[in-house]
């Protein structure tokens, strides 16, 4: 089975009231952990690559890893560029075999965002690739994306119809209170997503797939393991999983998860190195990290996304 686009995935997810997990990949062990979990519970997948991941692992290596995962699992897998900042990187990924790209023009004016997004859409659609756009700005830090709380903004529902019509995008990332990174909320505050914005957006765009970025829950178990093994992740707070489940039952068809994968991998590696201080075989500690990623992804698919047994 070749790589697929997200078109059919999103249609089924919207109609079925669940979301597809979009998991960021950086190396072989993370790819293996994600795809092995999805295979065991028969879930479609989006593997996504950030600009930082392309710099770290190189485009060609990541392509071969994902192609190997498709061959090994037989799952419908889409390969997606996460937070493409300009036309050039989107074009490189389209030309290089990606089946989906995100053009993030949220830092620009509304008019400039439309112009940039439309440029990417026109090129992508000529090559059978789908495009995700973004309205609103999420706070937080993830690779090359760094937005302060002061510069963040919720999505304005009054703009979504014009944006989708003018650009031709296939899905839309909106800002309703999620945030990039592991420190999404201030200590002592009660995280609450703006479901009123999501409801209004879905009312204005009936049947249209919505995306949530920055949706890691910062799973306490992995934070505790990291801190117990020499880490310092004090006050790391994520998005409550019950709110993600609610979003998945609404118009949200794609939920991005990156920080939780990093936490799971790091927790496994740290725990193994502390348990075996004399060990120096990367296969030993990376194997544990891979298992932690697998356990995390399986739990997300079954208990948060609801995309299990949808293949």
Protein backbone atom coordinates (compact mmCIF):
# COMPACT_ATOMS: atom_id res chain seq x y z
CA UNK A 1 0.00 0.00 0.00
CA UNK A 2 1.42 3.42 -0.92
CA UNK A 3 1.24 6.52 1.25
CA UNK A 4 -2.24 8.07 1.24
CA UNK A 5 -3.69 11.55 1.62
CA UNK A 6 -5.91 12.51 4.55
CA UNK A 7 -9.04 13.11 2.46
CA UNK A 8 -10.75 9.77 3.07
CA UNK A 9 -9.40 9.56 6.63
CA UNK A 10 -10.97 12.88 7.56
CA UNK A 11 -14.30 12.12 5.91
CA UNK A 12 -14.64 8.90 7.89
CA UNK A 13 -13.43 10.56 11.10
CA UNK A 14 -15.90 13.44 10.78
CA UNK A 15 -18.79 11.10 10.13
CA UNK A 16 -17.70 8.68 12.86
CA UNK A 17 -17.04 11.24 15.58
CA UNK A 18 -13.37 10.43 16.15
CA UNK A 19 -9.99 11.97 15.29
CA UNK A 20 -6.83 10.75 13.57
CA UNK A 21 -3.61 11.09 15.52
CA UNK A 22 -0.88 13.11 13.82
CA UNK A 23 2.33 12.01 15.52
CA UNK A 24 5.65 13.78 14.98
CA UNK A 25 8.57 11.58 13.99
CA UNK A 26 12.30 12.21 14.32
CA UNK A 27 14.04 8.83 14.19
CA UNK A 28 13.57 5.12 13.58
CA UNK A 29 12.54 4.15 17.10
CA UNK A 30 9.77 6.76 17.24
CA UNK A 31 8.44 5.68 13.83
CA UNK A 32 8.48 2.04 14.93
CA UNK A 33 6.80 2.72 18.28
CA UNK A 34 3.98 4.71 16.67
CA UNK A 35 3.30 2.36 13.79
CA UNK A 36 3.53 -0.84 15.86
CA UNK A 37 0.93 0.57 18.24
CA UNK A 38 -1.38 1.59 15.40
CA UNK A 39 -1.08 -1.81 13.76
CA UNK A 40 -2.05 -3.62 16.95
CA UNK A 41 -5.27 -1.60 17.27
CA UNK A 42 -5.96 -1.19 13.51
CA UNK A 43 -5.83 2.59 13.35
CA UNK A 44 -5.11 4.87 10.39
CA UNK A 45 -2.18 7.21 10.97
CA UNK A 46 -0.66 10.54 10.11
CA UNK A 47 3.08 10.69 10.56
CA UNK A 48 4.24 14.27 10.49
CA UNK A 49 7.63 15.86 10.09
CA UNK A 50 8.61 19.32 11.28
CA UNK A 51 11.24 21.54 9.71
CA UNK A 52 13.44 20.68 12.69
CA UNK A 53 13.05 16.96 12.07
CA UNK A 54 14.01 17.40 8.41
CA UNK A 55 17.17 19.22 9.49
CA UNK A 56 17.99 16.58 12.09
CA UNK A 57 17.29 13.33 10.23
CA UNK A 58 17.28 14.58 6.60
CA UNK A 59 14.38 14.27 4.20
CA UNK A 60 15.59 11.13 2.45
CA UNK A 61 16.12 9.14 5.63
CA UNK A 62 12.68 10.04 6.98
CA UNK A 63 11.02 9.09 3.69
CA UNK A 64 12.61 5.65 3.75
CA UNK A 65 11.65 5.10 7.38
CA UNK A 66 8.03 5.97 6.68
CA UNK A 67 7.97 3.87 3.50
CA UNK A 68 9.32 0.94 5.53
CA UNK A 69 6.56 1.47 8.11
CA UNK A 70 3.89 1.36 5.39
CA UNK A 71 5.35 -1.86 4.00
CA UNK A 72 5.69 -3.41 7.46
CA UNK A 73 2.22 -2.56 8.77
CA UNK A 74 -0.01 -2.32 5.71
CA UNK A 75 -1.78 0.61 7.37
CA UNK A 76 -3.15 3.68 5.59
CA UNK A 77 -0.49 6.25 6.49
CA UNK A 78 -0.30 9.88 5.40
CA UNK A 79 3.02 11.73 5.53
CA UNK A 80 2.51 15.35 6.54
CA UNK A 81 4.71 18.44 6.80
CA UNK A 82 4.05 20.13 10.15
CA UNK A 83 4.27 23.94 10.26
CA UNK A 84 5.71 24.72 6.86
CA UNK A 85 6.65 28.37 7.11
CA UNK A 86 6.94 29.24 3.44
CA UNK A 87 6.24 28.05 -0.09
CA UNK A 88 9.76 26.69 -0.57
CA UNK A 89 9.63 24.07 2.19
CA UNK A 90 6.11 23.03 1.20
CA UNK A 91 7.22 22.61 -2.42
CA UNK A 92 10.27 20.58 -1.36
CA UNK A 93 8.09 18.21 0.63
CA UNK A 94 5.49 17.91 -2.12
CA UNK A 95 8.19 17.19 -4.70
CA UNK A 96 9.86 14.81 -2.22
CA UNK A 97 6.89 12.48 -1.73
CA UNK A 98 4.82 13.91 1.12
CA UNK A 99 1.07 13.44 0.70
CA UNK A 100 0.03 16.36 2.90
CA UNK A 101 1.56 19.70 3.90
CA UNK A 102 0.72 22.45 6.32
CA UNK A 103 1.41 26.04 5.38
CA UNK A 104 1.43 28.12 8.55
CA UNK A 105 0.78 31.71 7.55
CA UNK A 106 -0.72 32.60 10.92
CA UNK A 107 2.05 35.11 11.70
CA UNK A 108 1.05 37.17 8.66
CA UNK A 109 -1.89 39.49 8.14
CA UNK A 110 -5.17 37.86 7.13
CA UNK A 111 -4.72 38.93 3.51
CA UNK A 112 -1.10 37.75 3.34
CA UNK A 113 -2.03 34.46 5.01
CA UNK A 114 -4.64 33.89 2.31
CA UNK A 115 -2.21 34.73 -0.50
CA UNK A 116 0.54 32.42 0.82
CA UNK A 117 -1.85 29.59 1.58
CA UNK A 118 -3.50 29.84 -1.85
CA UNK A 119 -0.08 29.68 -3.53
CA UNK A 120 0.73 26.42 -1.71
CA UNK A 121 -2.73 24.97 -2.37
CA UNK A 122 -2.50 25.62 -6.11
CA UNK A 123 0.85 23.83 -6.36
CA UNK A 124 -0.09 20.99 -4.01
CA UNK A 125 -3.39 20.19 -5.71
CA UNK A 126 -1.61 20.00 -9.07
CA UNK A 127 0.44 17.17 -7.54
CA UNK A 128 -2.36 15.34 -5.71
CA UNK A 129 -1.29 16.61 -2.27
CA UNK A 130 -3.65 18.04 0.35
CA UNK A 131 -3.05 21.21 2.36
CA UNK A 132 -3.73 22.31 5.93
CA UNK A 133 -3.91 26.03 6.71
CA UNK A 134 -4.03 27.87 10.02
CA UNK A 135 -6.03 30.75 11.45
CA UNK A 136 -5.18 32.04 14.92
CA UNK A 137 -1.84 31.64 16.69
CA UNK A 138 -0.95 29.09 19.35
CA UNK A 139 1.42 30.07 22.13
CA UNK A 140 4.39 27.92 23.04
CA UNK A 141 7.63 26.53 21.63
CA UNK A 142 8.08 23.57 19.29
CA UNK A 143 11.17 23.34 17.08
CA UNK A 144 11.19 26.50 14.95
CA UNK A 145 7.75 27.63 16.15
CA UNK A 146 8.07 30.10 19.03
CA UNK A 147 5.05 32.26 19.91
CA UNK A 148 4.77 34.21 23.15
CA UNK A 149 1.52 34.35 25.11
CA UNK A 150 1.24 38.02 24.20
CA UNK A 151 1.45 37.26 20.48
CA UNK A 152 -0.99 34.33 20.54
CA UNK A 153 -4.61 34.76 19.50
CA UNK A 154 -7.78 32.70 19.27
CA UNK A 155 -9.23 31.94 15.88
CA UNK A 156 -11.90 34.42 14.80
CA UNK A 157 -14.90 32.39 13.52
CA UNK A 158 -15.94 35.36 11.40
CA UNK A 159 -12.89 34.79 9.18
CA UNK A 160 -13.05 31.05 8.56
CA UNK A 161 -15.53 30.94 5.68
CA UNK A 162 -13.67 33.57 3.68
CA UNK A 163 -10.32 31.93 4.40
CA UNK A 164 -11.40 28.46 3.28
CA UNK A 165 -13.20 29.78 0.20
CA UNK A 166 -10.33 32.04 -0.87
CA UNK A 167 -7.54 29.51 -0.32
CA UNK A 168 -9.09 26.16 -1.19
CA UNK A 169 -7.45 24.46 1.82
CA UNK A 170 -8.46 20.90 2.67
CA UNK A 171 -8.36 21.29 6.47
CA UNK A 172 -7.97 24.12 8.96
CA UNK A 173 -5.95 24.35 12.17
CA UNK A 174 -7.62 26.64 14.71
CA UNK A 175 -6.54 28.11 18.05
CA UNK A 176 -8.95 27.35 20.89
CA UNK A 177 -6.55 27.25 23.83
CA UNK A 178 -4.08 24.47 23.12
CA UNK A 179 -0.37 25.32 23.16
CA UNK A 180 2.92 23.91 21.90
CA UNK A 181 5.41 22.37 24.30
CA UNK A 182 5.16 20.83 27.77
CA UNK A 183 4.33 24.03 29.68
CA UNK A 184 0.93 24.85 28.21
CA UNK A 185 -0.72 26.41 31.25
CA UNK A 186 0.36 28.28 34.34
CA UNK A 187 0.51 26.26 37.59
CA UNK A 188 -2.71 26.52 39.57
CA UNK A 189 -4.86 27.36 36.57
CA UNK A 190 -7.59 25.09 35.23
CA UNK A 191 -7.03 24.39 31.52
CA UNK A 192 -10.18 24.92 29.47
CA UNK A 193 -10.46 24.79 25.70
CA UNK A 194 -12.77 27.26 23.95
CA UNK A 195 -15.42 24.87 22.71
CA UNK A 196 -17.64 27.83 21.91
CA UNK A 197 -15.17 28.82 19.17
CA UNK A 198 -15.00 25.26 17.88
CA UNK A 199 -18.79 25.01 17.76
CA UNK A 200 -19.11 28.29 15.87
CA UNK A 201 -16.38 27.33 13.40
CA UNK A 202 -18.03 23.97 12.74
CA UNK A 203 -21.39 25.68 12.28
CA UNK A 204 -19.90 27.97 9.66
CA UNK A 205 -17.94 25.14 7.99
CA UNK A 206 -20.28 22.13 8.14
CA UNK A 207 -18.50 18.87 7.37
CA UNK A 208 -15.10 20.56 7.10
CA UNK A 209 -12.15 18.91 8.93
CA UNK A 210 -10.69 20.93 11.80
CA UNK A 211 -7.21 20.40 13.31
CA UNK A 212 -5.86 20.91 16.82
CA UNK A 213 -2.16 21.63 17.25
CA UNK A 214 -0.34 21.59 20.59
CA UNK A 215 -2.62 18.85 21.94
CA UNK A 216 -0.22 16.77 24.05
CA UNK A 217 -1.58 15.98 27.50
CA UNK A 218 1.92 16.01 29.06
CA UNK A 219 1.14 12.62 30.59
CA UNK A 220 1.96 12.86 34.33
CA UNK A 221 3.32 9.30 34.44
CA UNK A 222 6.16 10.13 32.05
CA UNK A 223 6.86 13.48 33.68
CA UNK A 224 7.18 11.70 37.04
CA UNK A 225 9.51 9.07 35.59
CA UNK A 226 11.74 11.74 34.06
CA UNK A 227 11.89 13.71 37.30
CA UNK A 228 12.59 10.53 39.29
CA UNK A 229 15.56 9.82 37.05
CA UNK A 230 17.36 13.14 37.11
CA UNK A 231 15.01 15.32 35.08
CA UNK A 232 13.67 18.75 35.99
CA UNK A 233 10.21 19.13 34.47
CA UNK A 234 8.57 21.04 37.27
CA UNK A 235 5.17 22.58 36.44
CA UNK A 236 4.78 20.78 33.08
CA UNK A 237 1.04 20.90 32.35
CA UNK A 238 -0.83 19.68 29.25
CA UNK A 239 -4.31 19.60 27.74
CA UNK A 240 -6.79 17.47 29.74
CA UNK A 241 -7.58 14.28 27.86
CA UNK A 242 -11.32 14.52 28.51
CA UNK A 243 -11.36 17.80 26.58
CA UNK A 244 -9.47 16.20 23.69
CA UNK A 245 -12.01 13.37 23.64
CA UNK A 246 -14.78 15.95 23.44
CA UNK A 247 -13.05 17.76 20.57
CA UNK A 248 -12.60 14.46 18.69
CA UNK A 249 -16.35 13.85 18.85
CA UNK A 250 -17.00 17.26 17.30
CA UNK A 251 -15.49 18.66 14.09
CA UNK A 252 -11.84 17.96 15.01
CA UNK A 253 -10.54 15.25 12.66
CA UNK A 254 -6.78 15.60 13.33
CA UNK A 255 -5.09 15.98 16.71
CA UNK A 256 -1.35 16.69 16.77
CA UNK A 257 0.83 14.97 19.36
CA UNK A 258 4.54 15.69 19.70
CA UNK A 259 5.58 16.63 23.25
CA UNK A 260 4.05 13.47 24.73
CA UNK A 261 6.15 11.36 22.36
CA UNK A 262 9.31 13.19 23.45
CA UNK A 263 8.38 12.74 27.10
CA UNK A 264 7.67 9.02 26.67
CA UNK A 265 10.93 8.37 24.81
CA UNK A 266 12.96 10.40 27.30
CA UNK A 267 11.31 8.69 30.27
CA UNK A 268 12.21 5.26 28.93
CA UNK A 269 15.78 6.18 28.08
CA UNK A 270 16.40 7.91 31.41
CA UNK A 271 14.92 5.05 33.40
CA UNK A 272 17.01 2.45 31.55
CA UNK A 273 20.25 4.40 31.90
CA UNK A 274 19.67 4.87 35.63
CA UNK A 275 18.82 1.19 36.05
CA UNK A 276 21.96 0.13 34.15
CA UNK A 277 24.60 2.84 34.70
CA UNK A 278 27.32 0.68 33.16
CA UNK A 279 25.32 0.03 30.01
CA UNK A 280 26.41 1.77 26.83
CA UNK A 281 24.57 -0.10 24.07
CA UNK A 282 22.12 2.31 22.37
CA UNK A 283 19.95 -0.66 21.38
CA UNK A 284 19.29 -1.29 25.05
CA UNK A 285 18.02 2.11 26.13
CA UNK A 286 16.43 3.03 22.77
CA UNK A 287 14.47 -0.23 22.86
CA UNK A 288 12.94 0.82 26.16
CA UNK A 289 12.22 4.30 24.82
CA UNK A 290 10.53 2.77 21.77
CA UNK A 291 8.30 0.63 23.97
CA UNK A 292 7.26 3.68 25.99
CA UNK A 293 6.34 5.47 22.76
CA UNK A 294 4.32 2.45 21.65
CA UNK A 295 2.45 2.28 24.96
CA UNK A 296 1.67 5.99 24.81
CA UNK A 297 0.39 5.91 21.23
CA UNK A 298 -1.81 2.89 21.81
CA UNK A 299 -3.40 4.58 24.81
CA UNK A 300 -3.97 7.80 22.83
CA UNK A 301 -5.57 5.95 19.92
CA UNK A 302 -7.91 3.89 22.06
CA UNK A 303 -8.74 6.21 24.96
CA UNK A 304 -8.48 9.71 23.46
CA UNK A 305 -8.76 9.70 19.67
CA UNK A 306 -11.18 6.81 19.24
CA UNK A 307 -9.57 5.79 15.91
CA UNK A 308 -8.94 2.15 16.86
CA UNK A 309 -10.45 -0.54 14.60
CA UNK A 310 -11.16 2.01 11.88
CA UNK A 311 -9.03 0.34 9.19
